[in-house]
Amino acid sequence: MEDILKNKLKYLVNKKKTLLEICETLELKNYEVIGLVELMKQDGELLDYVNGEIVKLRKPIKNNDVYELPNNMEHLKLLLISDTHLCSKYDRLDILRYLYDKAEDKGIKHILHSGDFTDGKSHRPEHIYELKEPSYEGQVEYCVEKYPTFSGKTYVIAGNHDGWWYKSAGSEIVKSIAKQREDIIYLGSDVADMKIGKLKIRLFHGNGGNAYAKSYKLQKYLDTIPVEEKPHILQTGHIHQAFYYKQDNTHCLQTGCLEDLTPYARSLGFSGDKSCWWLDINFDDKGNIYSITPELETFGKKLIRRR
């Protein structure tokens, strides 16, 4: 019954009906409709109660909250991944499973994902032939059931592929997935800040094509961050290539993808680095960062068999 009400509500909002008209059609009180909207927001639906009316948002609302985690360890280990493009016929769940098993063995408790969790569904007519699951519901179910688990948490932002669902389905797909998985923490769309103890981290996905130099866009983005907000670690995604450089006190890690090259990407002459970053961070006895050491791990076409 609740799903029927939600679908009717979405239909009425799309028709730009007033709150009064929605209440009359659904035979609900206004506070019941507003409560239903709040429940739908938790599922990733881009609806909100604004100035006395229920409205459809064009994209998620950005927030400046910092997701904070305590840390009392002298040695912290992280795994950085990006661009898994799940539900693509070219996704590499075998690599993901290998990485999560390895993270478990290493005692890692935090895995950071800088966007394009799913492959989404674009306006390209041929894109549907590259997908294992073309529907919103199918992609949610696929990710909830197949994304690997471990004893820690995965912290993720949405990328531009995830964002294709904003216009077509009016929902934040990664938020919807995370609601059904206690081990996945959704931090928002495109950019998010974290703190683990005194360690400041920014996840950023980005958009647009590649620059003439791999590091150009990342350097330009870093320059836009106010000095007081500059992170110790800047993790980025989107371009499916991996590199590292350090500028002042910021360690910049462009994270590769975990997807084989698609026919569309190949036709455009793009390349992709299937890779991840392992990080070792050491703190002094006051919790200040003493050292940050990155290690790149790369992957080929060969399937990885689970142990």
C-alpha atoms as a PDB file:
ATOM      1  CA  MET A   1       0.000   0.000   0.000  1.00  0.00           C
ATOM      2  CA  GLU A   2       2.831   2.391   0.890  1.00  0.00           C
ATOM      3  CA  ASP A   3       4.534   1.851  -2.491  1.00  0.00           C
ATOM      4  CA  ILE A   4       1.262   2.669  -4.268  1.00  0.00           C
ATOM      5  CA  LEU A   5       0.967   5.915  -2.275  1.00  0.00           C
ATOM      6  CA  LYS A   6       4.575   6.847  -3.082  1.00  0.00           C
ATOM      7  CA  ASN A   7       4.064   6.290  -6.804  1.00  0.00           C
ATOM      8  CA  LYS A   8       0.837   8.315  -6.769  1.00  0.00           C
ATOM      9  CA  LEU A   9       2.582  11.108  -4.874  1.00  0.00           C
ATOM     10  CA  LYS A  10       5.436  11.231  -7.411  1.00  0.00           C
ATOM     11  CA  TYR A  11       2.886  11.356 -10.233  1.00  0.00           C
ATOM     12  CA  LEU A  12       0.979  14.237  -8.613  1.00  0.00           C
ATOM     13  CA  VAL A  13       4.189  16.202  -7.925  1.00  0.00           C
ATOM     14  CA  ASN A  14       5.250  15.743 -11.559  1.00  0.00           C
ATOM     15  CA  LYS A  15       1.853  17.174 -12.518  1.00  0.00           C
ATOM     16  CA  LYS A  16       2.653  20.164 -10.247  1.00  0.00           C
ATOM     17  CA  LYS A  17      -0.351  19.625  -8.017  1.00  0.00           C
ATOM     18  CA  THR A  18      -0.615  21.729  -4.861  1.00  0.00           C
ATOM     19  CA  LEU A  19      -0.304  20.209  -1.399  1.00  0.00           C
ATOM     20  CA  LEU A  20      -4.058  20.641  -0.930  1.00  0.00           C
ATOM     21  CA  GLU A  21      -4.787  18.830  -4.198  1.00  0.00           C
ATOM     22  CA  ILE A  22      -2.344  16.046  -3.272  1.00  0.00           C
ATOM     23  CA  CYS A  23      -3.996  15.600   0.129  1.00  0.00           C
ATOM     24  CA  GLU A  24      -7.458  15.432  -1.430  1.00  0.00           C
ATOM     25  CA  THR A  25      -6.391  12.922  -4.098  1.00  0.00           C
ATOM     26  CA  LEU A  26      -4.535  10.649  -1.674  1.00  0.00           C
ATOM     27  CA  GLU A  27      -7.143  11.162   1.074  1.00  0.00           C
ATOM     28  CA  LEU A  28      -4.387  12.032   3.563  1.00  0.00           C
ATOM     29  CA  LYS A  29      -3.807  14.859   6.034  1.00  0.00           C
ATOM     30  CA  ASN A  30      -1.089  17.379   5.120  1.00  0.00           C
ATOM     31  CA  TYR A  31       1.197  16.146   7.904  1.00  0.00           C
ATOM     32  CA  GLU A  32       0.789  12.575   6.583  1.00  0.00           C
ATOM     33  CA  VAL A  33       1.841  13.682   3.083  1.00  0.00           C
ATOM     34  CA  ILE A  34       4.819  15.602   4.490  1.00  0.00           C
ATOM     35  CA  GLY A  35       5.803  12.536   6.533  1.00  0.00           C
ATOM     36  CA  LEU A  36       5.584  10.378   3.419  1.00  0.00           C
ATOM     37  CA  VAL A  37       7.882  12.820   1.609  1.00  0.00           C
ATOM     38  CA  GLU A  38      10.429  12.520   4.447  1.00  0.00           C
ATOM     39  CA  LEU A  39      10.374   8.744   4.123  1.00  0.00           C
ATOM     40  CA  MET A  40      10.851   9.021   0.365  1.00  0.00           C
ATOM     41  CA  LYS A  41      13.783  11.405   0.833  1.00  0.00           C
ATOM     42  CA  GLN A  42      15.490   8.739   2.938  1.00  0.00           C
ATOM     43  CA  ASP A  43      15.086   6.374  -0.022  1.00  0.00           C
ATOM     44  CA  GLY A  44      16.881   8.847  -2.291  1.00  0.00           C
ATOM     45  CA  GLU A  45      13.830  10.480  -3.881  1.00  0.00           C
ATOM     46  CA  LEU A  46      14.464  14.101  -4.860  1.00  0.00           C
ATOM     47  CA  LEU A  47      11.346  15.538  -3.249  1.00  0.00           C
ATOM     48  CA  ASP A  48      11.084  18.184  -0.540  1.00  0.00           C
ATOM     49  CA  TYR A  49       8.577  20.285   1.391  1.00  0.00           C
ATOM     50  CA  VAL A  50       9.379  23.911   0.493  1.00  0.00           C
ATOM     51  CA  ASN A  51       7.300  27.024   1.301  1.00  0.00           C
ATOM     52  CA  GLY A  52       4.160  25.009   1.986  1.00  0.00           C
ATOM     53  CA  GLU A  53       4.311  22.851  -1.155  1.00  0.00           C
ATOM     54  CA  ILE A  54       5.795  19.497  -2.210  1.00  0.00           C
ATOM     55  CA  VAL A  55       8.359  20.089  -4.953  1.00  0.00           C
ATOM     56  CA  LYS A  56      10.598  17.964  -7.145  1.00  0.00           C
ATOM     57  CA  LEU A  57      14.287  18.872  -6.930  1.00  0.00           C
ATOM     58  CA  ARG A  58      16.387  18.859 -10.082  1.00  0.00           C
ATOM     59  CA  LYS A  59      19.481  17.643  -8.226  1.00  0.00           C
ATOM     60  CA  PRO A  60      20.529  16.828  -4.662  1.00  0.00           C
ATOM     61  CA  ILE A  61      20.989  19.678  -2.217  1.00  0.00           C
ATOM     62  CA  LYS A  62      24.647  20.231  -1.411  1.00  0.00           C
ATOM     63  CA  ASN A  63      25.653  20.396   2.222  1.00  0.00           C
ATOM     64  CA  ASN A  64      28.863  21.477   3.908  1.00  0.00           C
ATOM     65  CA  ASP A  65      28.769  18.929   6.695  1.00  0.00           C
ATOM     66  CA  VAL A  66      31.989  17.124   7.563  1.00  0.00           C
ATOM     67  CA  TYR A  67      31.610  13.409   8.301  1.00  0.00           C
ATOM     68  CA  GLU A  68      33.746  12.864  11.401  1.00  0.00           C
ATOM     69  CA  LEU A  69      35.154   9.629  12.808  1.00  0.00           C
ATOM     70  CA  PRO A  70      37.289   9.270  15.929  1.00  0.00           C
ATOM     71  CA  ASN A  71      40.816   7.906  15.700  1.00  0.00           C
ATOM     72  CA  ASN A  72      43.110   6.966  18.571  1.00  0.00           C
ATOM     73  CA  MET A  73      45.535   4.818  16.581  1.00  0.00           C
ATOM     74  CA  GLU A  74      49.127   5.634  15.728  1.00  0.00           C
ATOM     75  CA  HIS A  75      48.786   3.831  12.391  1.00  0.00           C
ATOM     76  CA  LEU A  76      45.765   4.116  10.094  1.00  0.00           C
ATOM     77  CA  LYS A  77      45.303   2.170   6.848  1.00  0.00           C
ATOM     78  CA  LEU A  78      42.877   3.140   4.079  1.00  0.00           C
ATOM     79  CA  LEU A  79      41.809   1.744   0.704  1.00  0.00           C
ATOM     80  CA  LEU A  80      40.903   4.296  -1.995  1.00  0.00           C
ATOM     81  CA  ILE A  81      38.780   3.190  -4.963  1.00  0.00           C
ATOM     82  CA  SER A  82      36.613   4.867  -7.581  1.00  0.00           C
ATOM     83  CA  ASP A  83      34.522   4.422 -10.730  1.00  0.00           C
ATOM     84  CA  THR A  84      33.278   0.892 -10.143  1.00  0.00           C
ATOM     85  CA  HIS A  85      30.444   1.435 -12.681  1.00  0.00           C
ATOM     86  CA  LEU A  86      28.405  -1.435 -11.282  1.00  0.00           C
ATOM     87  CA  CYS A  87      25.745  -2.866 -13.597  1.00  0.00           C
ATOM     88  CA  SER A  88      27.945  -2.238 -16.610  1.00  0.00           C
ATOM     89  CA  LYS A  89      28.708  -5.419 -18.537  1.00  0.00           C
ATOM     90  CA  TYR A  90      32.320  -4.367 -18.069  1.00  0.00           C
ATOM     91  CA  ASP A  91      32.311  -3.963 -14.277  1.00  0.00           C
ATOM     92  CA  ARG A  92      34.910  -5.965 -12.352  1.00  0.00           C
ATOM     93  CA  LEU A  93      33.241  -7.442  -9.320  1.00  0.00           C
ATOM     94  CA  ASP A  94      36.100  -9.951  -9.176  1.00  0.00           C
ATOM     95  CA  ILE A  95      38.576  -7.139  -8.455  1.00  0.00           C
ATOM     96  CA  LEU A  96      36.237  -5.578  -5.909  1.00  0.00           C
ATOM     97  CA  ARG A  97      35.850  -8.884  -4.059  1.00  0.00           C
ATOM     98  CA  TYR A  98      39.625  -9.379  -4.084  1.00  0.00           C
ATOM     99  CA  LEU A  99      40.170  -5.868  -2.704  1.00  0.00           C
ATOM    100  CA  TYR A 100      37.622  -6.277   0.082  1.00  0.00           C
ATOM    101  CA  ASP A 101      39.150  -9.618   1.095  1.00  0.00           C
ATOM    102  CA  LYS A 102      42.595  -8.006   1.107  1.00  0.00           C
ATOM    103  CA  ALA A 103      41.315  -5.023   3.109  1.00  0.00           C
ATOM    104  CA  GLU A 104      39.940  -7.481   5.673  1.00  0.00           C
ATOM    105  CA  ASP A 105      43.318  -9.235   5.872  1.00  0.00           C
ATOM    106  CA  LYS A 106      45.084  -5.895   6.355  1.00  0.00           C
ATOM    107  CA  GLY A 107      42.742  -4.870   9.171  1.00  0.00           C
ATOM    108  CA  ILE A 108      41.407  -1.891   7.185  1.00  0.00           C
ATOM    109  CA  LYS A 109      38.171  -0.427   8.520  1.00  0.00           C
ATOM    110  CA  HIS A 110      37.605   2.471   6.082  1.00  0.00           C
ATOM    111  CA  ILE A 111      37.274   2.179   2.293  1.00  0.00           C
ATOM    112  CA  LEU A 112      36.758   5.458   0.412  1.00  0.00           C
ATOM    113  CA  HIS A 113      34.948   5.537  -2.955  1.00  0.00           C
ATOM    114  CA  SER A 114      35.083   8.725  -5.035  1.00  0.00           C
ATOM    115  CA  GLY A 115      32.044   8.254  -7.254  1.00  0.00           C
ATOM    116  CA  ASP A 116      30.425   6.519 -10.224  1.00  0.00           C
ATOM    117  CA  PHE A 117      29.349   3.693  -7.967  1.00  0.00           C
ATOM    118  CA  THR A 118      26.900   2.599 -10.694  1.00  0.00           C
ATOM    119  CA  ASP A 119      27.020   2.902 -14.464  1.00  0.00           C
ATOM    120  CA  GLY A 120      23.680   4.745 -14.456  1.00  0.00           C
ATOM    121  CA  LYS A 121      21.731   5.092 -17.678  1.00  0.00           C
ATOM    122  CA  SER A 122      22.652   7.829 -20.121  1.00  0.00           C
ATOM    123  CA  HIS A 123      20.836   9.400 -23.056  1.00  0.00           C
ATOM    124  CA  ARG A 124      23.030   7.447 -25.508  1.00  0.00           C
ATOM    125  CA  PRO A 125      20.709   4.922 -27.233  1.00  0.00           C
ATOM    126  CA  GLU A 126      23.474   2.318 -27.410  1.00  0.00           C
ATOM    127  CA  HIS A 127      24.273   2.569 -23.693  1.00  0.00           C
ATOM    128  CA  ILE A 128      21.490   0.160 -22.813  1.00  0.00           C
ATOM    129  CA  TYR A 129      23.401  -2.605 -24.639  1.00  0.00           C
ATOM    130  CA  GLU A 130      26.368  -2.076 -22.287  1.00  0.00           C
ATOM    131  CA  LEU A 131      24.260  -2.615 -19.150  1.00  0.00           C
ATOM    132  CA  LYS A 132      23.556  -5.746 -17.140  1.00  0.00           C
ATOM    133  CA  GLU A 133      20.623  -3.945 -15.494  1.00  0.00           C
ATOM    134  CA  PRO A 134      18.976  -1.062 -17.401  1.00  0.00           C
ATOM    135  CA  SER A 135      16.344  -0.111 -14.804  1.00  0.00           C
ATOM    136  CA  TYR A 136      16.739   1.988 -11.652  1.00  0.00           C
ATOM    137  CA  GLU A 137      15.236  -0.744  -9.466  1.00  0.00           C
ATOM    138  CA  GLY A 138      17.412  -3.384 -11.128  1.00  0.00           C
ATOM    139  CA  GLN A 139      20.594  -1.422 -10.517  1.00  0.00           C
ATOM    140  CA  VAL A 140      19.696  -0.822  -6.868  1.00  0.00           C
ATOM    141  CA  GLU A 141      19.005  -4.537  -6.331  1.00  0.00           C
ATOM    142  CA  TYR A 142      22.196  -5.572  -8.158  1.00  0.00           C
ATOM    143  CA  CYS A 143      24.379  -3.296  -6.020  1.00  0.00           C
ATOM    144  CA  VAL A 144      22.694  -4.175  -2.734  1.00  0.00           C
ATOM    145  CA  GLU A 145      23.087  -7.901  -3.382  1.00  0.00           C
ATOM    146  CA  LYS A 146      26.464  -8.076  -5.109  1.00  0.00           C
ATOM    147  CA  TYR A 147      28.626  -5.304  -3.660  1.00  0.00           C
ATOM    148  CA  PRO A 148      31.235  -6.956  -1.394  1.00  0.00           C
ATOM    149  CA  THR A 149      31.066  -6.788   2.383  1.00  0.00           C
ATOM    150  CA  PHE A 150      33.743  -6.675   5.067  1.00  0.00           C
ATOM    151  CA  SER A 151      33.932  -5.809   8.757  1.00  0.00           C
ATOM    152  CA  GLY A 152      34.444  -2.086   8.134  1.00  0.00           C
ATOM    153  CA  LYS A 153      32.561   0.654   6.288  1.00  0.00           C
ATOM    154  CA  THR A 154      32.599   1.991   2.732  1.00  0.00           C
ATOM    155  CA  TYR A 155      32.216   5.781   2.403  1.00  0.00           C
ATOM    156  CA  VAL A 156      31.013   6.886  -1.030  1.00  0.00           C
ATOM    157  CA  ILE A 157      29.976   9.933  -3.028  1.00  0.00           C
ATOM    158  CA  ALA A 158      27.903   9.911  -6.217  1.00  0.00           C
ATOM    159  CA  GLY A 159      29.514  10.638  -9.581  1.00  0.00           C
ATOM    160  CA  ASN A 160      28.136  11.851 -12.906  1.00  0.00           C
ATOM    161  CA  HIS A 161      27.019   8.335 -13.970  1.00  0.00           C
ATOM    162  CA  ASP A 162      25.050   7.960 -10.733  1.00  0.00           C
ATOM    163  CA  GLY A 163      23.662  11.432 -11.395  1.00  0.00           C
ATOM    164  CA  TRP A 164      22.023  10.383 -14.662  1.00  0.00           C
ATOM    165  CA  TRP A 165      19.261   8.898 -12.510  1.00  0.00           C
ATOM    166  CA  TYR A 166      18.401  12.370 -11.123  1.00  0.00           C
ATOM    167  CA  LYS A 167      16.638  13.400 -14.325  1.00  0.00           C
ATOM    168  CA  SER A 168      15.205  10.067 -15.408  1.00  0.00           C
ATOM    169  CA  ALA A 169      14.076   8.667 -12.037  1.00  0.00           C
ATOM    170  CA  GLY A 170      14.236  11.710  -9.758  1.00  0.00           C
ATOM    171  CA  SER A 171      16.252   9.775  -7.182  1.00  0.00           C
ATOM    172  CA  GLU A 172      19.736   9.529  -5.677  1.00  0.00           C
ATOM    173  CA  ILE A 173      20.599   5.937  -6.479  1.00  0.00           C
ATOM    174  CA  VAL A 174      23.639   5.663  -4.187  1.00  0.00           C
ATOM    175  CA  LYS A 175      21.586   6.994  -1.280  1.00  0.00           C
ATOM    176  CA  SER A 176      18.936   4.377  -2.025  1.00  0.00           C
ATOM    177  CA  ILE A 177      21.568   1.606  -2.103  1.00  0.00           C
ATOM    178  CA  ALA A 178      23.201   2.783   1.124  1.00  0.00           C
ATOM    179  CA  LYS A 179      19.874   2.748   2.956  1.00  0.00           C
ATOM    180  CA  GLN A 180      19.713  -1.019   2.388  1.00  0.00           C
ATOM    181  CA  ARG A 181      23.349  -1.643   3.345  1.00  0.00           C
ATOM    182  CA  GLU A 182      24.488  -0.665   6.858  1.00  0.00           C
ATOM    183  CA  ASP A 183      28.128  -0.987   5.782  1.00  0.00           C
ATOM    184  CA  ILE A 184      27.832   1.657   3.010  1.00  0.00           C
ATOM    185  CA  ILE A 185      27.773   5.316   4.082  1.00  0.00           C
ATOM    186  CA  TYR A 186      26.564   7.815   1.500  1.00  0.00           C
ATOM    187  CA  LEU A 187      28.258  11.202   1.886  1.00  0.00           C
ATOM    188  CA  GLY A 188      26.512  13.129  -0.906  1.00  0.00           C
ATOM    189  CA  SER A 189      26.839  14.071  -4.536  1.00  0.00           C
ATOM    190  CA  ASP A 190      30.183  14.866  -6.240  1.00  0.00           C
ATOM    191  CA  VAL A 191      32.087  16.198  -3.216  1.00  0.00           C
ATOM    192  CA  ALA A 192      32.289  15.448   0.508  1.00  0.00           C
ATOM    193  CA  ASP A 193      34.613  16.116   3.425  1.00  0.00           C
ATOM    194  CA  MET A 194      35.653  13.638   6.104  1.00  0.00           C
ATOM    195  CA  LYS A 195      37.762  13.785   9.240  1.00  0.00           C
ATOM    196  CA  ILE A 196      39.308  10.720  10.845  1.00  0.00           C
ATOM    197  CA  GLY A 197      40.803  12.064  14.024  1.00  0.00           C
ATOM    198  CA  LYS A 198      42.865  15.053  12.837  1.00  0.00           C
ATOM    199  CA  LEU A 199      43.174  13.688   9.300  1.00  0.00           C
ATOM    200  CA  LYS A 200      41.188  15.819   6.808  1.00  0.00           C
ATOM    201  CA  ILE A 201      40.005  14.096   3.618  1.00  0.00           C
ATOM    202  CA  ARG A 202      38.065  15.407   0.639  1.00  0.00           C
ATOM    203  CA  LEU A 203      36.388  13.117  -1.887  1.00  0.00           C
ATOM    204  CA  PHE A 204      35.722  14.745  -5.253  1.00  0.00           C
ATOM    205  CA  HIS A 205      34.430  13.140  -8.432  1.00  0.00           C
ATOM    206  CA  GLY A 206      34.469  15.871 -11.082  1.00  0.00           C
ATOM    207  CA  ASN A 207      33.036  15.961 -14.592  1.00  0.00           C
ATOM    208  CA  GLY A 208      33.858  16.915 -18.175  1.00  0.00           C
ATOM    209  CA  GLY A 209      36.532  15.477 -20.453  1.00  0.00           C
ATOM    210  CA  ASN A 210      40.231  14.967 -19.913  1.00  0.00           C
ATOM    211  CA  ALA A 211      42.636  17.906 -19.875  1.00  0.00           C
ATOM    212  CA  TYR A 212      45.797  18.173 -21.966  1.00  0.00           C
ATOM    213  CA  ALA A 213      47.774  17.115 -18.871  1.00  0.00           C
ATOM    214  CA  LYS A 214      46.427  14.505 -16.459  1.00  0.00           C
ATOM    215  CA  SER A 215      47.098  16.594 -13.372  1.00  0.00           C
ATOM    216  CA  TYR A 216      45.832  19.946 -14.729  1.00  0.00           C
ATOM    217  CA  LYS A 217      42.186  19.735 -13.620  1.00  0.00           C
ATOM    218  CA  LEU A 218      43.099  18.344 -10.227  1.00  0.00           C
ATOM    219  CA  GLN A 219      45.616  21.151  -9.641  1.00  0.00           C
ATOM    220  CA  LYS A 220      43.078  23.780 -10.704  1.00  0.00           C
ATOM    221  CA  TYR A 221      40.477  22.297  -8.366  1.00  0.00           C
ATOM    222  CA  LEU A 222      42.917  22.193  -5.442  1.00  0.00           C
ATOM    223  CA  ASP A 223      43.682  25.885  -6.012  1.00  0.00           C
ATOM    224  CA  THR A 224      39.984  26.735  -5.537  1.00  0.00           C
ATOM    225  CA  ILE A 225      39.850  25.232  -2.032  1.00  0.00           C
ATOM    226  CA  PRO A 226      40.309  27.902   0.684  1.00  0.00           C
ATOM    227  CA  VAL A 227      43.514  27.500   2.695  1.00  0.00           C
ATOM    228  CA  GLU A 228      41.650  26.715   5.921  1.00  0.00           C
ATOM    229  CA  GLU A 229      39.678  23.933   4.156  1.00  0.00           C
ATOM    230  CA  LYS A 230      42.552  22.257   2.314  1.00  0.00           C
ATOM    231  CA  PRO A 231      42.608  18.542   3.137  1.00  0.00           C
ATOM    232  CA  HIS A 232      45.558  16.336   3.946  1.00  0.00           C
ATOM    233  CA  ILE A 233      44.211  13.868   1.361  1.00  0.00           C
ATOM    234  CA  LEU A 234      42.364  14.852  -1.822  1.00  0.00           C
ATOM    235  CA  GLN A 235      40.925  11.791  -3.557  1.00  0.00           C
ATOM    236  CA  THR A 236      39.418  12.273  -7.020  1.00  0.00           C
ATOM    237  CA  GLY A 237      37.802  10.076  -9.672  1.00  0.00           C
ATOM    238  CA  HIS A 238      36.075  10.384 -13.062  1.00  0.00           C
ATOM    239  CA  ILE A 239      38.961  10.244 -15.559  1.00  0.00           C
ATOM    240  CA  HIS A 240      39.790   6.532 -15.008  1.00  0.00           C
ATOM    241  CA  GLN A 241      43.493   7.244 -14.597  1.00  0.00           C
ATOM    242  CA  ALA A 242      45.750   7.068 -11.580  1.00  0.00           C
ATOM    243  CA  PHE A 243      48.528   9.376 -10.436  1.00  0.00           C
ATOM    244  CA  TYR A 244      49.840  10.966  -7.274  1.00  0.00           C
ATOM    245  CA  TYR A 245      51.455  14.231  -6.368  1.00  0.00           C
ATOM    246  CA  LYS A 246      51.913  16.332  -3.235  1.00  0.00           C
ATOM    247  CA  GLN A 247      51.281  20.065  -3.092  1.00  0.00           C
ATOM    248  CA  ASP A 248      52.140  21.787   0.178  1.00  0.00           C
ATOM    249  CA  ASN A 249      50.426  19.657   2.853  1.00  0.00           C
ATOM    250  CA  THR A 250      47.915  17.995   0.513  1.00  0.00           C
ATOM    251  CA  HIS A 251      48.466  14.516  -0.880  1.00  0.00           C
ATOM    252  CA  CYS A 252      46.525  14.388  -4.164  1.00  0.00           C
ATOM    253  CA  LEU A 253      45.474  10.936  -5.311  1.00  0.00           C
ATOM    254  CA  GLN A 254      43.742  10.626  -8.656  1.00  0.00           C
ATOM    255  CA  THR A 255      42.050   7.232  -8.414  1.00  0.00           C
ATOM    256  CA  GLY A 256      41.688   4.902 -11.385  1.00  0.00           C
ATOM    257  CA  CYS A 257      38.640   2.789 -12.252  1.00  0.00           C
ATOM    258  CA  LEU A 258      37.535  -0.790 -11.618  1.00  0.00           C
ATOM    259  CA  GLU A 259      35.902  -1.344 -15.002  1.00  0.00           C
ATOM    260  CA  ASP A 260      37.184  -2.753 -18.292  1.00  0.00           C
ATOM    261  CA  LEU A 261      37.288  -0.358 -21.219  1.00  0.00           C
ATOM    262  CA  THR A 262      33.835  -0.048 -22.797  1.00  0.00           C
ATOM    263  CA  PRO A 263      33.226   0.070 -26.575  1.00  0.00           C
ATOM    264  CA  TYR A 264      32.128   3.702 -26.250  1.00  0.00           C
ATOM    265  CA  ALA A 265      35.278   4.717 -24.354  1.00  0.00           C
ATOM    266  CA  ARG A 266      37.439   2.820 -26.843  1.00  0.00           C
ATOM    267  CA  SER A 267      35.752   4.604 -29.765  1.00  0.00           C
ATOM    268  CA  LEU A 268      36.714   7.953 -28.232  1.00  0.00           C
ATOM    269  CA  GLY A 269      40.313   6.895 -27.751  1.00  0.00           C
ATOM    270  CA  PHE A 270      40.116   6.870 -23.950  1.00  0.00           C
ATOM    271  CA  SER A 271      42.236   4.617 -21.776  1.00  0.00           C
ATOM    272  CA  GLY A 272      41.535   3.330 -18.298  1.00  0.00           C
ATOM    273  CA  ASP A 273      43.752   2.403 -15.384  1.00  0.00           C
ATOM    274  CA  LYS A 274      42.210  -0.409 -13.373  1.00  0.00           C
ATOM    275  CA  SER A 275      43.817   0.372 -10.053  1.00  0.00           C
ATOM    276  CA  CYS A 276      43.427   1.425  -6.431  1.00  0.00           C
ATOM    277  CA  TRP A 277      45.461   3.194  -3.762  1.00  0.00           C
ATOM    278  CA  TRP A 278      46.477   1.701  -0.429  1.00  0.00           C
ATOM    279  CA  LEU A 279      47.407   4.329   2.149  1.00  0.00           C
ATOM    280  CA  ASP A 280      49.448   4.065   5.345  1.00  0.00           C
ATOM    281  CA  ILE A 281      49.066   7.058   7.658  1.00  0.00           C
ATOM    282  CA  ASN A 282      51.162   7.463  10.805  1.00  0.00           C
ATOM    283  CA  PHE A 283      50.354   9.826  13.686  1.00  0.00           C
ATOM    284  CA  ASP A 284      52.476  11.147  16.534  1.00  0.00           C
ATOM    285  CA  ASP A 285      51.469  10.794  20.187  1.00  0.00           C
ATOM    286  CA  LYS A 286      49.293  13.932  19.914  1.00  0.00           C
ATOM    287  CA  GLY A 287      47.316  12.626  16.943  1.00  0.00           C
ATOM    288  CA  ASN A 288      49.032  14.857  14.378  1.00  0.00           C
ATOM    289  CA  ILE A 289      49.847  13.402  10.951  1.00  0.00           C
ATOM    290  CA  TYR A 290      53.437  12.215  10.846  1.00  0.00           C
ATOM    291  CA  SER A 291      53.526  10.578   7.413  1.00  0.00           C
ATOM    292  CA  ILE A 292      51.250   9.509   4.556  1.00  0.00           C
ATOM    293  CA  THR A 293      52.542   6.751   2.262  1.00  0.00           C
ATOM    294  CA  PRO A 294      50.580   5.742  -0.878  1.00  0.00           C
ATOM    295  CA  GLU A 295      50.915   2.446  -2.730  1.00  0.00           C
ATOM    296  CA  LEU A 296      49.323   1.886  -6.155  1.00  0.00           C
ATOM    297  CA  GLU A 297      47.991  -1.552  -7.100  1.00  0.00           C
ATOM    298  CA  THR A 298      47.056  -2.165 -10.741  1.00  0.00           C
ATOM    299  CA  PHE A 299      45.019  -4.856 -12.494  1.00  0.00           C
ATOM    300  CA  GLY A 300      44.811  -6.382 -15.950  1.00  0.00           C
ATOM    301  CA  LYS A 301      42.161  -8.209 -17.953  1.00  0.00           C
ATOM    302  CA  LYS A 302      42.596 -11.565 -16.227  1.00  0.00           C
ATOM    303  CA  LEU A 303      39.785 -12.512 -13.846  1.00  0.00           C
ATOM    304  CA  ILE A 304      40.775 -12.798 -10.208  1.00  0.00           C
ATOM    305  CA  ARG A 305      39.617 -16.011  -8.557  1.00  0.00           C
ATOM    306  CA  ARG A 306      38.559 -15.857  -4.924  1.00  0.00           C
ATOM    307  CA  ARG A 307      40.592 -17.868  -2.467  1.00  0.00           C
END
